[in-house]
């Protein structure tokens, strides 16, 4: 069950989550949502100032604004201006890298590596989101 409602409570959202989940801490929720919907083609399910729930294929993604983790130790590992996803690649399969790269470039996002055919049978590029997470859209070649 997916909830397409901005007034859904935290427990209601939490109870639909299952399997593997991705949660990214972000400085500004709306900036993260804009990147994921405009560049990567995510579907927005729910958003407010501090939280967003998005969907890519059958996978749910959560974004939490920094203030929601004020009492949590995780933000202390990031630092004030640190790159949040250092060493992590968030790979999106079956997303056209050339299209994502063009959209990202038009929106002013950093292209870490342009779209290339790789020896492992995928065409892919590396795009940095507003919080420094590295997204890798790819498709089979």
Protein backbone atom coordinates (compact mmCIF):
# COMPACT_ATOMS: atom_id res chain seq x y z
CA UNK A 1 0.00 0.00 0.00
CA UNK A 2 1.44 3.36 -1.03
CA UNK A 3 0.19 6.53 0.62
CA UNK A 4 -0.29 9.49 -1.71
CA UNK A 5 -1.18 12.00 0.95
CA UNK A 6 0.79 14.80 2.59
CA UNK A 7 -1.28 14.55 5.77
CA UNK A 8 -0.41 10.90 6.43
CA UNK A 9 1.00 10.39 9.93
CA UNK A 10 4.50 9.11 10.65
CA UNK A 11 3.25 5.75 11.95
CA UNK A 12 1.05 5.30 8.87
CA UNK A 13 4.06 5.82 6.62
CA UNK A 14 6.27 3.60 8.79
CA UNK A 15 3.81 0.74 8.65
CA UNK A 16 3.89 0.51 4.82
CA UNK A 17 7.68 0.20 4.68
CA UNK A 18 9.16 -3.26 4.25
CA UNK A 19 12.19 -5.06 2.85
CA UNK A 20 15.23 -2.89 2.15
CA UNK A 21 14.98 0.87 2.61
CA UNK A 22 16.99 3.91 1.68
CA UNK A 23 16.86 7.01 3.86
CA UNK A 24 18.96 10.06 3.01
CA UNK A 25 19.62 12.95 5.38
CA UNK A 26 19.31 16.20 3.44
CA UNK A 27 19.81 19.88 4.14
CA UNK A 28 16.63 20.89 2.29
CA UNK A 29 13.90 18.35 1.57
CA UNK A 30 12.51 20.22 -1.44
CA UNK A 31 15.92 20.40 -3.17
CA UNK A 32 16.31 16.63 -2.82
CA UNK A 33 12.79 16.03 -4.11
CA UNK A 34 13.36 18.31 -7.11
CA UNK A 35 16.56 16.47 -8.05
CA UNK A 36 15.01 13.01 -7.74
CA UNK A 37 11.79 13.84 -9.59
CA UNK A 38 13.18 16.16 -12.29
CA UNK A 39 16.45 14.36 -13.07
CA UNK A 40 15.94 10.74 -12.05
CA UNK A 41 12.23 10.34 -12.72
CA UNK A 42 11.16 9.40 -9.20
CA UNK A 43 7.49 9.53 -8.27
CA UNK A 44 6.68 11.78 -5.32
CA UNK A 45 4.36 10.19 -2.80
CA UNK A 46 4.52 12.55 0.17
CA UNK A 47 6.46 15.69 1.05
CA UNK A 48 6.54 18.34 3.73
CA UNK A 49 9.26 20.62 5.08
CA UNK A 50 11.06 17.83 6.95
CA UNK A 51 10.25 14.59 5.15
CA UNK A 52 9.64 13.14 1.71
CA UNK A 53 8.66 9.69 0.53
CA UNK A 54 9.39 8.86 -3.09
CA UNK A 55 9.19 5.79 -5.27
CA UNK A 56 11.42 4.46 -8.04
CA UNK A 57 10.05 1.28 -9.55
CA UNK A 58 9.00 -0.77 -6.54
CA UNK A 59 11.57 0.81 -4.22
CA UNK A 60 10.62 3.46 -1.67
CA UNK A 61 13.11 6.21 -0.77
CA UNK A 62 12.89 8.51 2.24
CA UNK A 63 14.42 11.95 2.67
CA UNK A 64 14.69 13.43 6.16
CA UNK A 65 15.73 17.05 6.73
CA UNK A 66 18.60 17.52 9.16
CA UNK A 67 16.43 18.94 11.99
CA UNK A 68 14.48 15.66 12.21
CA UNK A 69 17.71 13.98 13.34
CA UNK A 70 18.62 16.64 15.94
CA UNK A 71 18.64 14.07 18.76
CA UNK A 72 20.36 11.36 16.70
CA UNK A 73 24.15 10.74 16.60
CA UNK A 74 24.31 10.21 12.81
CA UNK A 75 24.53 13.91 11.79
CA UNK A 76 27.65 14.32 13.95
CA UNK A 77 29.45 12.09 11.44
CA UNK A 78 28.63 14.35 8.49
CA UNK A 79 30.08 17.68 9.55
CA UNK A 80 28.66 21.09 8.71
CA UNK A 81 29.64 21.17 5.03
CA UNK A 82 30.65 17.57 4.48
CA UNK A 83 29.87 15.46 1.46
CA UNK A 84 27.15 13.20 2.72
CA UNK A 85 27.49 10.21 0.45
CA UNK A 86 31.27 9.91 0.19
CA UNK A 87 32.10 6.47 -1.15
CA UNK A 88 28.48 5.46 -1.76
CA UNK A 89 26.97 5.09 -5.22
CA UNK A 90 23.18 5.15 -5.44
CA UNK A 91 22.58 3.15 -8.62
CA UNK A 92 19.37 3.41 -10.60
CA UNK A 93 19.07 0.70 -13.21
CA UNK A 94 16.91 1.17 -16.31
CA UNK A 95 17.21 4.97 -16.13
CA UNK A 96 18.59 6.53 -19.32
CA UNK A 97 21.93 8.08 -18.29
CA UNK A 98 22.09 10.43 -21.28
CA UNK A 99 18.65 11.81 -20.50
CA UNK A 100 19.42 12.14 -16.79
CA UNK A 101 22.75 13.81 -17.57
CA UNK A 102 21.10 16.34 -19.91
CA UNK A 103 18.43 17.18 -17.31
CA UNK A 104 21.01 17.45 -14.54
CA UNK A 105 23.24 19.69 -16.62
CA UNK A 106 20.30 21.93 -17.55
CA UNK A 107 19.41 22.26 -13.85
CA UNK A 108 23.00 23.06 -12.84
CA UNK A 109 23.86 19.83 -11.02
CA UNK A 110 27.44 18.54 -11.02
CA UNK A 111 28.21 15.78 -13.50
CA UNK A 112 30.98 13.80 -11.85
CA UNK A 113 31.41 11.48 -14.83
CA UNK A 114 29.65 11.83 -18.18
CA UNK A 115 27.63 9.04 -19.79
CA UNK A 116 29.89 6.27 -21.05
CA UNK A 117 29.54 2.67 -22.18
CA UNK A 118 31.28 0.61 -19.51
CA UNK A 119 32.93 -2.83 -19.79
CA UNK A 120 30.30 -4.38 -17.49
CA UNK A 121 27.59 -3.92 -20.14
CA UNK A 122 25.97 -0.74 -18.86
CA UNK A 123 25.92 2.83 -20.08
CA UNK A 124 26.08 5.06 -17.02
CA UNK A 125 26.95 8.49 -15.68
CA UNK A 126 27.63 9.91 -12.22
CA UNK A 127 25.60 12.90 -11.00
CA UNK A 128 25.93 14.68 -7.66
CA UNK A 129 22.73 15.81 -5.94
CA UNK A 130 22.45 19.01 -3.84
CA UNK A 131 23.65 17.19 -0.70
CA UNK A 132 26.64 15.46 -2.29
CA UNK A 133 25.13 12.03 -2.84
CA UNK A 134 26.34 10.36 -6.02
CA UNK A 135 23.58 8.96 -8.23
CA UNK A 136 24.40 6.57 -11.09
CA UNK A 137 21.64 6.17 -13.68
CA UNK A 138 22.34 3.31 -16.07
CA UNK A 139 20.88 1.17 -18.81
CA UNK A 140 21.97 -2.00 -20.58
CA UNK A 141 23.97 -1.68 -23.79
